[in-house]
Amino acid sequence: MTTVGLKNMRMTLQEVADIVDGEIVGDKNVVVTGICGIKEAKTGDLTFIANSKYMPLIKNTRASAIITSRDIEKSAKPIIRTDNPSLAFAKMVSKMVPNDVDHPKGIDERAVIDKSVKFGKDVAIQPYVVIEKNAQIGDGTIIYAGTYVGANTVIGANCLIYPRVTIRERVNIGNNVTVHSGTVIGSDGFGFATVCGVHHKIPQIGVVIIEDDVSIGANVTIDRARFGRTFIGKGTKIDNLVQIAHNVEIGEHSIIVAQCGLSGSATVGKNVIIAGQSGVVGHITIGENSIIAAKSGVSKSLPAGSKVFGYPARPIAKMRRINACLTRLPDLFKFISFMEKKLKEHKILPEDFSYHGIPEND
């Protein structure tokens, strides 16, 4: 990671502390002129530590100052103690790093837009965007090149839609929503009725509703409902390569990490974290404030506050005990083989007995 410089500015630790509402331990007059990760930082840089496992790096970093949590009492380097080091560092990145992104302005004449489309103020539309009849685009929304917006779709204010996004018909997107490239919202749910070995498509006539302040990564697929709605609650963040099936409902401020799959009609409560490569079967409920660890398979409903891991997903404490036992299987196998041999020598077990209880001749 290369050190990123300020906007031709020098900032004292006291000024940094004022921005992040932090407490300085050390020289408040130390000046920072850049921002960087703790391993790569150089003299003059501001860095941070949010995870305790990186604490030993404080001794070796060349950074001039470090943003830490409030439980750090002293350091060889000047520190700024904060409630949330990651959030504090993010504030400083926004403050210190130049914004090189120059978003488009105005509506390009090469876009294909139906005459019935309604635009708010200061909307930006890049070339080769297609917007179908009766769509509505809110104030300040930016739609990048190659995006498709279907009929009767509503996109709120200050949204950012990156290139080659597909937003199908009758989708409702709130304000301040970001959608990254390759994502498809409102595609048909996977619904078929099998009769005499032939799969007959079930019409998917529902909608997708995405509330305010949602972030959707690249190549995410969010299917429309069979009936009713597929729903993404306010403030939810969805990583890349996530599949959300028809009629799924996700509560506010949840986090869905990359390569997760949520099957049809699953309900996810508020403030739920579903870590990478996890799967949730259909028609179950994940209670609010639950955490599903990476690569878990959830096949049953979970009460609020659950913490699960594994396939099938079990309480994390139980899975840790199971995994500890699994690592000892080779030694247990040797022990059983040894005991079997000794028991046969003492005529306690017949010669044709094997450890799994099935005679070797069978």
Protein backbone atom coordinates (compact mmCIF):
# COMPACT_ATOMS: atom_id res chain seq x y z
CA MET A 1 0.00 0.00 0.00
CA THR A 2 1.45 3.34 -1.06
CA THR A 3 1.24 6.23 1.35
CA VAL A 4 -1.49 8.64 0.33
CA GLY A 5 -0.72 12.29 0.83
CA LEU A 6 -2.93 15.08 2.09
CA LYS A 7 -4.52 17.70 -0.08
CA ASN A 8 -1.39 19.85 0.26
CA MET A 9 -2.08 20.02 3.99
CA ARG A 10 -0.30 19.33 7.24
CA MET A 11 -2.38 18.25 10.19
CA THR A 12 -1.48 18.04 13.87
CA LEU A 13 -2.66 15.20 16.08
CA GLN A 14 -4.86 17.66 17.92
CA GLU A 15 -6.65 18.49 14.68
CA VAL A 16 -7.04 14.77 13.91
CA ALA A 17 -8.40 14.11 17.41
CA ASP A 18 -10.97 16.89 16.99
CA ILE A 19 -12.22 15.28 13.77
CA VAL A 20 -12.52 11.74 15.17
CA ASP A 21 -13.54 12.73 18.71
CA GLY A 22 -10.44 11.00 20.07
CA GLU A 23 -8.15 11.28 23.06
CA ILE A 24 -4.43 11.90 22.48
CA VAL A 25 -1.80 10.00 24.40
CA GLY A 26 1.56 11.58 23.57
CA ASP A 27 2.63 14.73 21.77
CA LYS A 28 -0.45 16.50 20.40
CA ASN A 29 1.75 18.68 18.16
CA VAL A 30 3.04 15.80 16.03
CA VAL A 31 2.31 16.55 12.37
CA VAL A 32 0.98 13.96 9.90
CA THR A 33 1.23 14.39 6.15
CA GLY A 34 0.02 11.02 4.87
CA ILE A 35 -2.14 8.02 5.66
CA CYS A 36 -1.30 4.33 5.27
CA GLY A 37 -1.61 0.80 6.64
CA ILE A 38 0.46 0.03 9.71
CA LYS A 39 2.89 -2.36 7.96
CA GLU A 40 3.68 -0.01 5.09
CA ALA A 41 3.53 3.31 6.94
CA LYS A 42 6.46 5.74 6.87
CA THR A 43 7.50 8.69 8.97
CA GLY A 44 4.80 11.33 8.76
CA ASP A 45 1.98 8.82 8.22
CA LEU A 46 -1.15 8.31 10.27
CA THR A 47 -2.24 4.67 10.65
CA PHE A 48 -4.62 2.64 12.81
CA ILE A 49 -5.12 -0.65 14.65
CA ALA A 50 -8.62 -2.11 15.01
CA ASN A 51 -7.72 -5.74 15.70
CA SER A 52 -5.77 -6.70 18.80
CA LYS A 53 -3.77 -9.32 16.90
CA TYR A 54 -1.90 -6.50 15.17
CA MET A 55 -0.82 -4.87 18.44
CA PRO A 56 2.79 -6.18 18.15
CA LEU A 57 3.16 -4.11 14.96
CA ILE A 58 3.08 -0.91 17.01
CA LYS A 59 6.69 -1.53 18.07
CA ASN A 60 7.97 -1.74 14.49
CA THR A 61 5.78 0.64 12.52
CA ARG A 62 7.41 3.80 11.20
CA ALA A 63 4.11 5.72 11.36
CA SER A 64 4.19 8.98 13.29
CA ALA A 65 0.83 8.35 15.00
CA ILE A 66 -1.72 5.57 15.42
CA ILE A 67 -5.49 5.59 15.87
CA THR A 68 -6.43 2.90 18.40
CA SER A 69 -9.33 1.72 20.55
CA ARG A 70 -9.84 3.28 23.98
CA ASP A 71 -8.53 0.21 25.81
CA ILE A 72 -4.96 0.99 24.67
CA GLU A 73 -3.42 3.00 27.48
CA LYS A 74 0.12 3.63 26.28
CA SER A 75 2.38 3.14 23.29
CA ALA A 76 5.89 3.85 22.07
CA LYS A 77 4.21 6.04 19.42
CA PRO A 78 1.70 8.85 19.90
CA ILE A 79 -1.83 7.42 19.74
CA ILE A 80 -5.37 8.73 19.40
CA ARG A 81 -7.79 6.62 21.41
CA THR A 82 -11.26 6.29 19.85
CA ASP A 83 -14.46 4.30 20.29
CA ASN A 84 -14.14 2.77 16.81
CA PRO A 85 -10.68 2.90 15.19
CA SER A 86 -11.91 1.65 11.80
CA LEU A 87 -14.60 4.30 11.58
CA ALA A 88 -12.23 7.00 12.82
CA PHE A 89 -9.61 6.02 10.23
CA ALA A 90 -12.29 6.02 7.51
CA LYS A 91 -13.20 9.59 8.47
CA MET A 92 -9.57 10.61 8.15
CA VAL A 93 -9.22 8.91 4.76
CA SER A 94 -12.24 10.88 3.52
CA LYS A 95 -10.80 14.07 4.97
CA MET A 96 -7.21 13.63 3.84
CA VAL A 97 -7.28 11.78 0.52
CA PRO A 98 -8.08 13.64 -2.70
CA ASN A 99 -11.27 12.48 -4.41
CA ASP A 100 -10.11 11.65 -7.93
CA VAL A 101 -13.51 10.35 -9.09
CA ASP A 102 -15.16 12.79 -11.46
CA HIS A 103 -18.74 11.60 -11.82
CA PRO A 104 -20.57 12.46 -15.04
CA LYS A 105 -23.01 15.32 -15.30
CA GLY A 106 -26.04 15.82 -17.49
CA ILE A 107 -27.94 13.44 -19.73
CA ASP A 108 -25.98 12.15 -22.72
CA GLU A 109 -27.79 12.29 -26.04
CA ARG A 110 -26.69 8.72 -26.80
CA ALA A 111 -28.86 7.34 -24.00
CA VAL A 112 -32.15 5.73 -25.06
CA ILE A 113 -34.87 7.16 -22.85
CA ASP A 114 -38.63 6.79 -23.21
CA LYS A 115 -40.53 10.07 -23.36
CA SER A 116 -42.60 9.13 -20.31
CA VAL A 117 -39.58 8.89 -17.97
CA LYS A 118 -39.57 11.42 -15.12
CA PHE A 119 -36.30 12.93 -13.92
CA GLY A 120 -35.50 14.85 -10.75
CA LYS A 121 -32.94 17.65 -10.57
CA ASP A 122 -29.26 17.22 -11.48
CA VAL A 123 -29.60 13.66 -12.79
CA ALA A 124 -26.63 12.29 -14.77
CA ILE A 125 -27.06 9.64 -17.45
CA GLN A 126 -24.08 8.28 -19.43
CA PRO A 127 -24.12 6.95 -23.02
CA TYR A 128 -25.97 3.76 -23.96
CA VAL A 129 -28.18 3.73 -20.90
CA VAL A 130 -31.69 2.44 -21.69
CA ILE A 131 -34.61 3.64 -19.56
CA GLU A 132 -38.05 2.21 -20.33
CA LYS A 133 -41.49 3.82 -20.05
CA ASN A 134 -42.85 5.33 -16.84
CA ALA A 135 -39.56 4.94 -14.95
CA GLN A 136 -38.67 7.61 -12.38
CA ILE A 137 -35.16 8.79 -11.48
CA GLY A 138 -34.66 10.92 -8.35
CA ASP A 139 -32.62 14.07 -7.74
CA GLY A 140 -28.87 13.78 -8.10
CA THR A 141 -28.84 10.14 -9.18
CA ILE A 142 -26.01 9.04 -11.47
CA ILE A 143 -26.42 6.16 -13.93
CA TYR A 144 -23.29 4.97 -15.71
CA ALA A 145 -22.94 3.64 -19.26
CA GLY A 146 -24.62 0.47 -20.46
CA THR A 147 -27.18 0.24 -17.65
CA TYR A 148 -30.76 -0.91 -18.28
CA VAL A 149 -33.72 0.40 -16.27
CA GLY A 150 -37.03 -1.36 -16.86
CA ALA A 151 -40.55 0.01 -17.15
CA ASN A 152 -42.30 1.39 -14.05
CA THR A 153 -39.10 1.23 -12.00
CA VAL A 154 -38.43 3.93 -9.42
CA ILE A 155 -34.90 4.94 -8.41
CA GLY A 156 -34.62 7.43 -5.55
CA ALA A 157 -32.39 10.45 -4.97
CA ASN A 158 -28.58 10.48 -4.86
CA CYS A 159 -28.17 6.90 -6.03
CA LEU A 160 -25.03 5.73 -7.82
CA ILE A 161 -25.54 3.04 -10.45
CA TYR A 162 -22.26 1.85 -11.96
CA PRO A 163 -21.80 0.55 -15.57
CA ARG A 164 -23.70 -2.45 -16.92
CA VAL A 165 -26.23 -2.83 -14.15
CA THR A 166 -29.60 -4.36 -15.06
CA ILE A 167 -32.62 -3.12 -13.11
CA ARG A 168 -35.72 -4.83 -14.39
CA GLU A 169 -39.34 -3.66 -14.44
CA ARG A 170 -41.30 -2.67 -11.31
CA VAL A 171 -38.27 -2.38 -9.05
CA ASN A 172 -38.36 0.24 -6.31
CA ILE A 173 -35.00 1.57 -5.09
CA GLY A 174 -34.75 4.11 -2.25
CA ASN A 175 -32.37 7.03 -1.72
CA ASN A 176 -28.57 6.93 -1.41
CA VAL A 177 -28.30 3.42 -2.84
CA THR A 178 -25.10 2.26 -4.56
CA VAL A 179 -25.16 -0.60 -7.09
CA HIS A 180 -21.91 -1.88 -8.57
CA SER A 181 -21.23 -3.23 -12.06
CA GLY A 182 -22.75 -6.45 -13.31
CA THR A 183 -25.54 -6.63 -10.75
CA VAL A 184 -29.00 -7.75 -11.84
CA ILE A 185 -32.02 -6.64 -9.81
CA GLY A 186 -35.47 -8.01 -10.54
CA SER A 187 -34.63 -11.06 -12.63
CA ASP A 188 -37.16 -13.92 -12.49
CA GLY A 189 -37.13 -16.10 -9.41
CA PHE A 190 -36.20 -19.75 -9.94
CA GLY A 191 -39.70 -21.23 -9.94
CA PHE A 192 -40.76 -24.36 -11.83
CA ALA A 193 -43.46 -26.99 -11.41
CA THR A 194 -42.43 -30.49 -12.47
CA VAL A 195 -45.12 -32.60 -14.15
CA CYS A 196 -44.27 -36.00 -15.64
CA GLY A 197 -40.59 -35.12 -15.63
CA VAL A 198 -41.08 -31.81 -17.45
CA HIS A 199 -40.30 -28.50 -15.69
CA HIS A 200 -42.94 -25.84 -16.30
CA LYS A 201 -42.09 -22.23 -15.53
CA ILE A 202 -44.11 -20.50 -12.80
CA PRO A 203 -44.64 -16.80 -13.61
CA GLN A 204 -42.76 -14.45 -11.29
CA ILE A 205 -44.97 -11.38 -11.07
CA GLY A 206 -43.81 -9.80 -7.79
CA VAL A 207 -41.48 -6.86 -7.20
CA VAL A 208 -38.16 -5.96 -5.57
CA ILE A 209 -38.03 -3.21 -2.93
CA ILE A 210 -34.69 -1.81 -1.79
CA GLU A 211 -34.76 0.76 1.00
CA ASP A 212 -32.46 3.76 1.62
CA ASP A 213 -28.69 3.61 2.18
CA VAL A 214 -28.23 0.10 0.81
CA SER A 215 -24.94 -0.85 -0.87
CA ILE A 216 -24.92 -3.67 -3.42
CA GLY A 217 -21.64 -5.10 -4.72
CA ALA A 218 -20.64 -6.32 -8.17
CA ASN A 219 -22.36 -9.28 -9.85
CA VAL A 220 -25.10 -9.62 -7.24
CA THR A 221 -28.42 -11.13 -8.31
CA ILE A 222 -31.64 -10.16 -6.55
CA ASP A 223 -34.68 -12.02 -7.90
CA ARG A 224 -38.16 -10.59 -8.05
CA ALA A 225 -40.84 -12.23 -5.94
CA ARG A 226 -43.19 -14.87 -7.27
CA PHE A 227 -45.97 -12.85 -5.62
CA GLY A 228 -45.52 -9.94 -3.23
CA ARG A 229 -41.99 -8.66 -2.77
CA THR A 230 -38.30 -9.39 -2.37
CA PHE A 231 -37.16 -6.87 0.24
CA ILE A 232 -33.79 -5.38 1.28
CA GLY A 233 -33.99 -3.26 4.43
CA LYS A 234 -32.47 0.16 5.10
CA GLY A 235 -28.70 0.35 5.54
CA THR A 236 -27.98 -3.25 4.53
CA LYS A 237 -24.63 -3.90 2.82
CA ILE A 238 -24.28 -6.69 0.27
CA ASP A 239 -20.87 -7.83 -0.97
CA ASN A 240 -19.98 -9.09 -4.46
CA LEU A 241 -21.33 -12.35 -5.93
CA VAL A 242 -24.33 -12.80 -3.66
CA GLN A 243 -27.53 -14.56 -4.76
CA ILE A 244 -30.80 -13.42 -3.17
CA ALA A 245 -33.74 -15.52 -4.32
CA HIS A 246 -37.41 -14.66 -4.77
CA ASN A 247 -39.41 -13.45 -1.77
CA VAL A 248 -36.35 -13.18 0.48
CA GLU A 249 -36.68 -10.47 3.14
CA ILE A 250 -33.56 -8.93 4.71
CA GLY A 251 -33.90 -6.62 7.71
CA GLU A 252 -32.21 -3.27 8.29
CA HIS A 253 -28.44 -2.88 8.66
CA SER A 254 -27.55 -6.48 7.88
CA ILE A 255 -24.30 -7.54 6.19
CA ILE A 256 -24.19 -10.26 3.52
CA VAL A 257 -20.61 -11.17 2.55
CA ALA A 258 -19.36 -12.47 -0.82
CA GLN A 259 -20.57 -15.71 -2.40
CA CYS A 260 -23.53 -16.21 -0.07
CA GLY A 261 -26.80 -17.67 -1.29
CA LEU A 262 -30.23 -17.08 0.27
CA SER A 263 -32.97 -19.41 -0.97
CA GLY A 264 -36.53 -18.41 -1.70
CA SER A 265 -38.73 -16.97 1.07
CA ALA A 266 -35.95 -16.94 3.67
CA THR A 267 -36.36 -14.13 6.21
CA VAL A 268 -33.31 -12.43 7.72
CA GLY A 269 -33.75 -10.13 10.71
CA LYS A 270 -32.12 -6.80 11.52
CA ASN A 271 -28.36 -6.48 12.11
CA VAL A 272 -27.58 -10.01 10.92
CA ILE A 273 -24.10 -10.89 9.60
CA ILE A 274 -23.85 -13.71 7.06
CA ALA A 275 -20.16 -14.38 6.33
CA GLY A 276 -18.67 -15.50 3.03
CA GLN A 277 -19.76 -18.64 1.15
CA SER A 278 -22.62 -19.36 3.51
CA GLY A 279 -25.97 -20.72 2.38
CA VAL A 280 -29.46 -20.33 3.83
CA VAL A 281 -32.27 -22.69 2.80
CA GLY A 282 -35.67 -21.37 1.92
CA HIS A 283 -38.67 -20.71 4.17
CA ILE A 284 -36.69 -20.27 7.41
CA THR A 285 -36.10 -17.26 9.65
CA ILE A 286 -32.77 -15.92 10.89
CA GLY A 287 -33.36 -13.93 14.07
CA GLU A 288 -32.04 -10.40 14.45
CA ASN A 289 -28.46 -9.79 15.65
CA SER A 290 -27.40 -13.29 14.57
CA ILE A 291 -23.98 -14.14 13.15
CA ILE A 292 -23.45 -16.92 10.61
CA ALA A 293 -19.76 -17.74 10.24
CA ALA A 294 -18.10 -18.35 6.86
CA LYS A 295 -18.92 -21.49 4.83
CA SER A 296 -21.91 -22.38 6.99
CA GLY A 297 -25.05 -24.10 5.79
CA VAL A 298 -28.18 -22.99 7.65
CA SER A 299 -31.03 -25.49 7.31
CA LYS A 300 -33.22 -24.52 10.28
CA SER A 301 -34.58 -21.27 11.70
CA LEU A 302 -32.35 -19.49 14.23
CA PRO A 303 -33.51 -17.47 17.24
CA ALA A 304 -32.36 -13.89 17.73
CA GLY A 305 -28.73 -13.48 18.76
CA SER A 306 -27.59 -16.85 17.42
CA LYS A 307 -23.93 -17.46 16.55
CA VAL A 308 -23.52 -20.49 14.33
CA PHE A 309 -20.90 -22.19 12.19
CA GLY A 310 -20.52 -25.31 10.09
CA TYR A 311 -22.49 -27.54 7.76
CA PRO A 312 -25.06 -28.04 9.03
CA ALA A 313 -24.74 -24.87 11.08
CA ARG A 314 -24.53 -25.42 14.84
CA PRO A 315 -23.74 -23.09 17.77
CA ILE A 316 -20.14 -21.94 17.43
CA ALA A 317 -19.07 -23.25 20.84
CA LYS A 318 -20.35 -26.73 19.98
CA MET A 319 -18.68 -26.69 16.55
CA ARG A 320 -15.36 -25.79 18.12
CA ARG A 321 -15.58 -28.88 20.32
CA ILE A 322 -16.54 -31.04 17.33
CA ASN A 323 -13.64 -29.69 15.27
CA ALA A 324 -11.23 -30.27 18.15
CA CYS A 325 -12.34 -33.92 18.22
CA LEU A 326 -12.01 -34.25 14.46
CA THR A 327 -8.38 -33.17 14.56
CA ARG A 328 -7.69 -36.08 16.93
CA LEU A 329 -9.24 -38.75 14.69
CA PRO A 330 -5.91 -40.13 13.35
CA ASP A 331 -4.65 -40.65 16.91
CA LEU A 332 -7.97 -42.18 17.98
CA PHE A 333 -7.83 -44.56 15.01
CA LYS A 334 -4.34 -45.70 16.03
CA PHE A 335 -5.50 -46.18 19.61
CA ILE A 336 -8.52 -48.25 18.56
CA SER A 337 -6.35 -50.41 16.29
CA PHE A 338 -3.89 -50.96 19.14
CA MET A 339 -6.67 -51.88 21.58
CA GLU A 340 -8.26 -54.21 19.04
CA LYS A 341 -4.96 -56.05 18.59
CA LYS A 342 -4.45 -56.42 22.36
CA LEU A 343 -8.02 -57.62 22.96
CA LYS A 344 -7.60 -60.25 20.27
CA GLU A 345 -4.32 -61.40 21.83
CA HIS A 346 -6.13 -61.92 25.12
CA LYS A 347 -9.01 -63.76 23.38
CA ILE A 348 -11.45 -61.07 24.47
CA LEU A 349 -12.32 -60.35 20.84
CA PRO A 350 -12.65 -63.00 18.12
CA GLU A 351 -9.97 -63.00 15.41
CA ASP A 352 -12.47 -62.04 12.71
CA PHE A 353 -13.65 -58.96 14.63
CA SER A 354 -12.88 -55.53 13.15
CA TYR A 355 -13.06 -52.18 14.94
CA HIS A 356 -16.28 -51.19 13.16
CA GLY A 357 -18.02 -54.25 14.51
CA ILE A 358 -18.37 -56.10 11.22
CA PRO A 359 -16.56 -59.44 10.81
CA GLU A 360 -13.84 -59.25 8.17
CA ASN A 361 -15.34 -62.26 6.33
CA ASP A 362 -18.68 -60.48 5.76
